[in-house]
Amino acid sequence: MESDVAARANSKLGQKAGSGWQFRVRHLFVLTTISAIASALAAAYGPGTLLLSFGMLTAWLNLCGAFQSLQYARRQTVMLWLAWITFLVSLGLPSVKVAGPVYGLWAAWCAYALPAESILKHEPVRLALIAYFAINVANVLMLLVPVLIWRKSHGWGQWLRVALCVVMPSVWCIAWNFNGLLVGYFVWCASFWLALVALPVRPGVFGAMLGVSAVLPPIVLRWH
């Protein structure tokens, strides 16, 4: 029965994808507005803001249905596996430079260890913990993508999809503090972008992503 539900859902998505997405005048207006905001942010805070702008532009295009052809059946599965493999590759690449290059796996470990150490030592709560929490959740959910693929094949996986999409902007926000970022970081960002293309975004999810995009950059800008 569960497989029948998944099959019917994929069939509906396939029918929508078959109708094709058309770029209309309203899309041009929104695209122009987003581009203007992205340019203003880049001028004020540097080119690192463009990663978040591009990610949110992708989320908006997703909301409009631009990626429907990649969001059902085998194509979606391939995209999600590609995102997961890209994520794993990023863990083995130098991601940030501190005293020397720090590989993605160690950077991810530090993102968990530093907040945990701060809490265990009963240090004052800092806003940076919010950013660390969002990044850690994003990493865990990306590791669980194979589970998401399995659950979606059985007609489940809704909460995993929503949670992963909502925390994605936290990954791209890090580039607002651009100093020391290396190739592994950008591969890491690309893995979430691939997942975003594969997962349909609804209005509520897009609104939550906008909220994360508004809250985290000021916190990241205070990092040293």
C-alpha atoms as a PDB file:
ATOM      1  CA  MET A   1       0.000   0.000   0.000  1.00  0.00           C
ATOM      2  CA  GLU A   2       2.826   2.369   0.908  1.00  0.00           C
ATOM      3  CA  SER A   3       4.540   1.683  -2.410  1.00  0.00           C
ATOM      4  CA  ASP A   4       1.251   2.477  -4.174  1.00  0.00           C
ATOM      5  CA  VAL A   5       1.081   5.849  -2.398  1.00  0.00           C
ATOM      6  CA  ALA A   6       4.644   6.637  -3.459  1.00  0.00           C
ATOM      7  CA  ALA A   7       3.887   5.579  -7.035  1.00  0.00           C
ATOM      8  CA  ARG A   8       0.804   7.815  -7.206  1.00  0.00           C
ATOM      9  CA  ALA A   9       2.771  10.753  -5.801  1.00  0.00           C
ATOM     10  CA  ASN A  10       5.549  10.243  -8.338  1.00  0.00           C
ATOM     11  CA  SER A  11       2.972   9.963 -11.120  1.00  0.00           C
ATOM     12  CA  LYS A  12       1.420  13.304 -10.178  1.00  0.00           C
ATOM     13  CA  LEU A  13       4.828  14.961 -10.040  1.00  0.00           C
ATOM     14  CA  GLY A  14       5.684  13.449 -13.389  1.00  0.00           C
ATOM     15  CA  GLN A  15       2.525  14.878 -14.926  1.00  0.00           C
ATOM     16  CA  LYS A  16       3.354  18.344 -13.562  1.00  0.00           C
ATOM     17  CA  ALA A  17       6.918  18.096 -14.806  1.00  0.00           C
ATOM     18  CA  GLY A  18       5.698  17.054 -18.221  1.00  0.00           C
ATOM     19  CA  SER A  19       3.698  20.268 -18.559  1.00  0.00           C
ATOM     20  CA  GLY A  20       6.962  22.260 -18.326  1.00  0.00           C
ATOM     21  CA  TRP A  21       7.798  25.441 -16.443  1.00  0.00           C
ATOM     22  CA  GLN A  22       7.403  28.746 -18.240  1.00  0.00           C
ATOM     23  CA  PHE A  23       9.301  31.922 -17.365  1.00  0.00           C
ATOM     24  CA  ARG A  24       6.756  34.749 -17.104  1.00  0.00           C
ATOM     25  CA  VAL A  25       6.830  38.507 -16.599  1.00  0.00           C
ATOM     26  CA  ARG A  26       6.241  38.180 -12.845  1.00  0.00           C
ATOM     27  CA  HIS A  27       9.261  35.894 -12.629  1.00  0.00           C
ATOM     28  CA  LEU A  28      11.359  38.519 -14.390  1.00  0.00           C
ATOM     29  CA  PHE A  29      10.226  41.142 -11.867  1.00  0.00           C
ATOM     30  CA  VAL A  30      11.097  38.960  -8.861  1.00  0.00           C
ATOM     31  CA  LEU A  31      14.393  37.917 -10.440  1.00  0.00           C
ATOM     32  CA  THR A  32      15.330  41.568 -10.991  1.00  0.00           C
ATOM     33  CA  THR A  33      14.460  42.372  -7.372  1.00  0.00           C
ATOM     34  CA  ILE A  34      16.510  39.464  -6.012  1.00  0.00           C
ATOM     35  CA  SER A  35      19.458  40.439  -8.211  1.00  0.00           C
ATOM     36  CA  ALA A  36      19.315  44.020  -6.947  1.00  0.00           C
ATOM     37  CA  ILE A  37      19.260  42.859  -3.319  1.00  0.00           C
ATOM     38  CA  ALA A  38      22.141  40.445  -3.975  1.00  0.00           C
ATOM     39  CA  SER A  39      24.205  43.208  -5.586  1.00  0.00           C
ATOM     40  CA  ALA A  40      23.544  45.563  -2.682  1.00  0.00           C
ATOM     41  CA  LEU A  41      24.551  42.929  -0.117  1.00  0.00           C
ATOM     42  CA  ALA A  42      27.715  42.082  -2.054  1.00  0.00           C
ATOM     43  CA  ALA A  43      28.654  45.756  -2.234  1.00  0.00           C
ATOM     44  CA  ALA A  44      28.058  46.232   1.492  1.00  0.00           C
ATOM     45  CA  TYR A  45      29.439  42.993   2.957  1.00  0.00           C
ATOM     46  CA  GLY A  46      31.590  41.429   0.255  1.00  0.00           C
ATOM     47  CA  PRO A  47      31.323  38.692  -2.387  1.00  0.00           C
ATOM     48  CA  GLY A  48      30.774  35.982   0.214  1.00  0.00           C
ATOM     49  CA  THR A  49      27.130  37.044   0.433  1.00  0.00           C
ATOM     50  CA  LEU A  50      26.559  35.820  -3.119  1.00  0.00           C
ATOM     51  CA  LEU A  51      26.471  32.174  -1.987  1.00  0.00           C
ATOM     52  CA  LEU A  52      23.448  32.830   0.197  1.00  0.00           C
ATOM     53  CA  SER A  53      21.848  34.977  -2.501  1.00  0.00           C
ATOM     54  CA  PHE A  54      22.340  32.241  -5.095  1.00  0.00           C
ATOM     55  CA  GLY A  55      20.993  29.614  -2.719  1.00  0.00           C
ATOM     56  CA  MET A  56      17.846  31.611  -1.976  1.00  0.00           C
ATOM     57  CA  LEU A  57      17.401  32.366  -5.676  1.00  0.00           C
ATOM     58  CA  THR A  58      17.515  28.624  -6.276  1.00  0.00           C
ATOM     59  CA  ALA A  59      14.947  28.104  -3.499  1.00  0.00           C
ATOM     60  CA  TRP A  60      12.638  30.665  -5.122  1.00  0.00           C
ATOM     61  CA  LEU A  61      12.997  29.020  -8.548  1.00  0.00           C
ATOM     62  CA  ASN A  62      12.233  25.722  -6.825  1.00  0.00           C
ATOM     63  CA  LEU A  63       9.110  27.253  -5.293  1.00  0.00           C
ATOM     64  CA  CYS A  64       8.039  28.406  -8.770  1.00  0.00           C
ATOM     65  CA  GLY A  65       8.412  24.872 -10.119  1.00  0.00           C
ATOM     66  CA  ALA A  66      11.556  25.327 -12.212  1.00  0.00           C
ATOM     67  CA  PHE A  67      13.030  21.979 -11.101  1.00  0.00           C
ATOM     68  CA  GLN A  68       9.938  19.774 -11.210  1.00  0.00           C
ATOM     69  CA  SER A  69      11.474  17.517 -13.839  1.00  0.00           C
ATOM     70  CA  LEU A  70      14.216  16.576 -11.332  1.00  0.00           C
ATOM     71  CA  GLN A  71      11.937  16.034  -8.359  1.00  0.00           C
ATOM     72  CA  TYR A  72      10.294  12.687  -8.983  1.00  0.00           C
ATOM     73  CA  ALA A  73      11.166   9.037  -9.458  1.00  0.00           C
ATOM     74  CA  ARG A  74      14.682   8.081 -10.550  1.00  0.00           C
ATOM     75  CA  ARG A  75      15.860  11.603 -11.367  1.00  0.00           C
ATOM     76  CA  GLN A  76      15.239  12.775  -7.819  1.00  0.00           C
ATOM     77  CA  THR A  77      16.986   9.719  -6.411  1.00  0.00           C
ATOM     78  CA  VAL A  78      20.039  10.343  -8.608  1.00  0.00           C
ATOM     79  CA  MET A  79      20.189  14.004  -7.571  1.00  0.00           C
ATOM     80  CA  LEU A  80      19.959  13.133  -3.883  1.00  0.00           C
ATOM     81  CA  TRP A  81      22.678  10.471  -4.148  1.00  0.00           C
ATOM     82  CA  LEU A  82      24.854  12.983  -6.006  1.00  0.00           C
ATOM     83  CA  ALA A  83      24.290  15.543  -3.238  1.00  0.00           C
ATOM     84  CA  TRP A  84      25.206  12.990  -0.573  1.00  0.00           C
ATOM     85  CA  ILE A  85      28.372  11.869  -2.367  1.00  0.00           C
ATOM     86  CA  THR A  86      29.397  15.503  -2.893  1.00  0.00           C
ATOM     87  CA  PHE A  87      28.893  16.086   0.836  1.00  0.00           C
ATOM     88  CA  LEU A  88      31.150  13.149   1.706  1.00  0.00           C
ATOM     89  CA  VAL A  89      33.809  14.375  -0.719  1.00  0.00           C
ATOM     90  CA  SER A  90      33.760  17.797   0.945  1.00  0.00           C
ATOM     91  CA  LEU A  91      34.678  16.193   4.270  1.00  0.00           C
ATOM     92  CA  GLY A  92      37.984  15.057   2.770  1.00  0.00           C
ATOM     93  CA  LEU A  93      38.920  18.447   1.324  1.00  0.00           C
ATOM     94  CA  PRO A  94      40.554  21.456   3.030  1.00  0.00           C
ATOM     95  CA  SER A  95      37.645  23.663   4.055  1.00  0.00           C
ATOM     96  CA  VAL A  96      38.996  26.508   6.134  1.00  0.00           C
ATOM     97  CA  LYS A  97      42.366  27.966   6.986  1.00  0.00           C
ATOM     98  CA  VAL A  98      43.130  28.675  10.632  1.00  0.00           C
ATOM     99  CA  ALA A  99      46.848  28.255  11.379  1.00  0.00           C
ATOM    100  CA  GLY A 100      46.872  25.879   8.417  1.00  0.00           C
ATOM    101  CA  PRO A 101      44.278  24.101   6.249  1.00  0.00           C
ATOM    102  CA  VAL A 102      41.544  22.331   8.223  1.00  0.00           C
ATOM    103  CA  TYR A 103      39.803  19.479   6.433  1.00  0.00           C
ATOM    104  CA  GLY A 104      36.048  19.287   6.270  1.00  0.00           C
ATOM    105  CA  LEU A 105      35.723  16.367   8.677  1.00  0.00           C
ATOM    106  CA  TRP A 106      37.690  18.190  11.373  1.00  0.00           C
ATOM    107  CA  ALA A 107      35.796  21.418  10.711  1.00  0.00           C
ATOM    108  CA  ALA A 108      32.524  19.521  11.208  1.00  0.00           C
ATOM    109  CA  TRP A 109      33.880  18.000  14.427  1.00  0.00           C
ATOM    110  CA  CYS A 110      34.877  21.434  15.722  1.00  0.00           C
ATOM    111  CA  ALA A 111      31.389  22.736  14.963  1.00  0.00           C
ATOM    112  CA  TYR A 112      30.091  20.109  17.406  1.00  0.00           C
ATOM    113  CA  ALA A 113      32.904  20.167  19.957  1.00  0.00           C
ATOM    114  CA  LEU A 114      33.217  23.925  20.515  1.00  0.00           C
ATOM    115  CA  PRO A 115      29.572  24.539  21.503  1.00  0.00           C
ATOM    116  CA  ALA A 116      29.524  21.360  23.593  1.00  0.00           C
ATOM    117  CA  GLU A 117      32.657  22.439  25.449  1.00  0.00           C
ATOM    118  CA  SER A 118      31.185  25.890  26.033  1.00  0.00           C
ATOM    119  CA  ILE A 119      27.990  24.414  27.484  1.00  0.00           C
ATOM    120  CA  LEU A 120      29.839  21.894  29.674  1.00  0.00           C
ATOM    121  CA  LYS A 121      32.006  24.676  31.098  1.00  0.00           C
ATOM    122  CA  HIS A 122      28.854  26.708  31.876  1.00  0.00           C
ATOM    123  CA  GLU A 123      30.153  29.635  29.875  1.00  0.00           C
ATOM    124  CA  PRO A 124      27.746  32.479  29.031  1.00  0.00           C
ATOM    125  CA  VAL A 125      25.415  31.606  26.172  1.00  0.00           C
ATOM    126  CA  ARG A 126      26.488  33.305  22.961  1.00  0.00           C
ATOM    127  CA  LEU A 127      24.517  33.979  19.800  1.00  0.00           C
ATOM    128  CA  ALA A 128      27.124  31.979  17.886  1.00  0.00           C
ATOM    129  CA  LEU A 129      25.590  28.821  19.381  1.00  0.00           C
ATOM    130  CA  ILE A 130      22.525  29.399  17.188  1.00  0.00           C
ATOM    131  CA  ALA A 131      24.668  29.298  14.065  1.00  0.00           C
ATOM    132  CA  TYR A 132      26.585  26.247  15.281  1.00  0.00           C
ATOM    133  CA  PHE A 133      23.316  24.471  16.078  1.00  0.00           C
ATOM    134  CA  ALA A 134      21.896  25.137  12.602  1.00  0.00           C
ATOM    135  CA  ILE A 135      25.111  23.994  10.897  1.00  0.00           C
ATOM    136  CA  ASN A 136      25.261  20.820  12.994  1.00  0.00           C
ATOM    137  CA  VAL A 137      21.647  19.984  12.195  1.00  0.00           C
ATOM    138  CA  ALA A 138      22.356  20.564   8.495  1.00  0.00           C
ATOM    139  CA  ASN A 139      25.319  18.162   8.609  1.00  0.00           C
ATOM    140  CA  VAL A 140      23.344  15.470  10.413  1.00  0.00           C
ATOM    141  CA  LEU A 141      20.426  15.739   7.992  1.00  0.00           C
ATOM    142  CA  MET A 142      22.743  15.563   4.989  1.00  0.00           C
ATOM    143  CA  LEU A 143      24.282  12.398   6.425  1.00  0.00           C
ATOM    144  CA  LEU A 144      20.743  11.026   6.659  1.00  0.00           C
ATOM    145  CA  VAL A 145      19.999  11.590   2.960  1.00  0.00           C
ATOM    146  CA  PRO A 146      20.148   7.811   2.259  1.00  0.00           C
ATOM    147  CA  VAL A 147      17.427   7.432   4.898  1.00  0.00           C
ATOM    148  CA  LEU A 148      15.452  10.195   3.178  1.00  0.00           C
ATOM    149  CA  ILE A 149      15.769   8.382  -0.164  1.00  0.00           C
ATOM    150  CA  TRP A 150      14.560   5.140   1.401  1.00  0.00           C
ATOM    151  CA  ARG A 151      11.649   6.793   3.205  1.00  0.00           C
ATOM    152  CA  LYS A 152      10.552   8.710   0.110  1.00  0.00           C
ATOM    153  CA  SER A 153      10.468   5.456  -1.843  1.00  0.00           C
ATOM    154  CA  HIS A 154       7.874   4.312   0.699  1.00  0.00           C
ATOM    155  CA  GLY A 155       5.878   7.539   0.560  1.00  0.00           C
ATOM    156  CA  TRP A 156       7.374   9.011   3.761  1.00  0.00           C
ATOM    157  CA  GLY A 157      10.241  11.370   4.511  1.00  0.00           C
ATOM    158  CA  GLN A 158       8.268  14.617   4.658  1.00  0.00           C
ATOM    159  CA  TRP A 159       9.775  15.967   7.875  1.00  0.00           C
ATOM    160  CA  LEU A 160      13.318  15.118   6.769  1.00  0.00           C
ATOM    161  CA  ARG A 161      12.798  17.034   3.519  1.00  0.00           C
ATOM    162  CA  VAL A 162      11.367  20.068   5.282  1.00  0.00           C
ATOM    163  CA  ALA A 163      14.036  20.164   8.001  1.00  0.00           C
ATOM    164  CA  LEU A 164      16.896  19.815   5.512  1.00  0.00           C
ATOM    165  CA  CYS A 165      15.601  22.642   3.331  1.00  0.00           C
ATOM    166  CA  VAL A 166      14.999  24.970   6.289  1.00  0.00           C
ATOM    167  CA  VAL A 167      18.568  24.697   7.641  1.00  0.00           C
ATOM    168  CA  MET A 168      20.315  24.951   4.264  1.00  0.00           C
ATOM    169  CA  PRO A 169      20.824  28.753   4.456  1.00  0.00           C
ATOM    170  CA  SER A 170      22.986  28.278   7.558  1.00  0.00           C
ATOM    171  CA  VAL A 171      25.594  26.590   5.355  1.00  0.00           C
ATOM    172  CA  TRP A 172      25.713  29.433   2.838  1.00  0.00           C
ATOM    173  CA  CYS A 173      25.687  32.131   5.541  1.00  0.00           C
ATOM    174  CA  ILE A 174      29.185  31.181   6.701  1.00  0.00           C
ATOM    175  CA  ALA A 175      30.644  32.852   3.598  1.00  0.00           C
ATOM    176  CA  TRP A 176      29.506  36.231   4.949  1.00  0.00           C
ATOM    177  CA  ASN A 177      32.677  35.973   7.053  1.00  0.00           C
ATOM    178  CA  PHE A 178      34.761  35.093   4.015  1.00  0.00           C
ATOM    179  CA  ASN A 179      38.261  34.956   5.520  1.00  0.00           C
ATOM    180  CA  GLY A 180      40.030  31.611   5.277  1.00  0.00           C
ATOM    181  CA  LEU A 181      37.450  29.607   3.329  1.00  0.00           C
ATOM    182  CA  LEU A 182      38.949  26.934   1.063  1.00  0.00           C
ATOM    183  CA  VAL A 183      37.720  24.638  -1.713  1.00  0.00           C
ATOM    184  CA  GLY A 184      36.138  22.089   0.627  1.00  0.00           C
ATOM    185  CA  TYR A 185      33.723  24.690   1.947  1.00  0.00           C
ATOM    186  CA  PHE A 186      32.419  25.468  -1.540  1.00  0.00           C
ATOM    187  CA  VAL A 187      32.042  21.771  -2.357  1.00  0.00           C
ATOM    188  CA  TRP A 188      30.129  21.438   0.927  1.00  0.00           C
ATOM    189  CA  CYS A 189      27.829  24.283  -0.141  1.00  0.00           C
ATOM    190  CA  ALA A 190      27.332  22.659  -3.544  1.00  0.00           C
ATOM    191  CA  SER A 191      26.112  19.443  -1.913  1.00  0.00           C
ATOM    192  CA  PHE A 192      23.259  21.319  -0.235  1.00  0.00           C
ATOM    193  CA  TRP A 193      22.468  23.148  -3.461  1.00  0.00           C
ATOM    194  CA  LEU A 194      22.116  19.813  -5.271  1.00  0.00           C
ATOM    195  CA  ALA A 195      19.792  18.552  -2.547  1.00  0.00           C
ATOM    196  CA  LEU A 196      17.739  21.743  -2.776  1.00  0.00           C
ATOM    197  CA  VAL A 197      17.241  21.252  -6.509  1.00  0.00           C
ATOM    198  CA  ALA A 198      16.007  17.703  -5.890  1.00  0.00           C
ATOM    199  CA  LEU A 199      13.563  18.512  -3.067  1.00  0.00           C
ATOM    200  CA  PRO A 200      10.345  20.452  -3.760  1.00  0.00           C
ATOM    201  CA  VAL A 201      10.000  23.667  -1.737  1.00  0.00           C
ATOM    202  CA  ARG A 202       6.580  24.828  -0.519  1.00  0.00           C
ATOM    203  CA  PRO A 203       5.651  28.397   0.542  1.00  0.00           C
ATOM    204  CA  GLY A 204       5.950  27.652   4.271  1.00  0.00           C
ATOM    205  CA  VAL A 205       9.377  26.087   3.834  1.00  0.00           C
ATOM    206  CA  PHE A 206      10.544  29.015   1.710  1.00  0.00           C
ATOM    207  CA  GLY A 207       9.350  31.424   4.403  1.00  0.00           C
ATOM    208  CA  ALA A 208      11.306  29.509   7.039  1.00  0.00           C
ATOM    209  CA  MET A 209      14.409  29.600   4.823  1.00  0.00           C
ATOM    210  CA  LEU A 210      14.024  33.369   4.504  1.00  0.00           C
ATOM    211  CA  GLY A 211      13.831  33.603   8.306  1.00  0.00           C
ATOM    212  CA  VAL A 212      17.068  31.649   8.731  1.00  0.00           C
ATOM    213  CA  SER A 213      18.689  33.818   6.048  1.00  0.00           C
ATOM    214  CA  ALA A 214      17.721  36.949   7.964  1.00  0.00           C
ATOM    215  CA  VAL A 215      18.801  35.780  11.437  1.00  0.00           C
ATOM    216  CA  LEU A 216      22.157  34.074  10.860  1.00  0.00           C
ATOM    217  CA  PRO A 217      24.241  36.544   8.752  1.00  0.00           C
ATOM    218  CA  PRO A 218      24.482  39.176  11.546  1.00  0.00           C
ATOM    219  CA  ILE A 219      25.674  36.415  13.883  1.00  0.00           C
ATOM    220  CA  VAL A 220      28.275  35.165  11.385  1.00  0.00           C
ATOM    221  CA  LEU A 221      29.562  38.689  10.806  1.00  0.00           C
ATOM    222  CA  ARG A 222      30.482  38.865  14.500  1.00  0.00           C
ATOM    223  CA  TRP A 223      32.746  35.809  14.259  1.00  0.00           C
ATOM    224  CA  HIS A 224      36.489  36.395  14.502  1.00  0.00           C
END
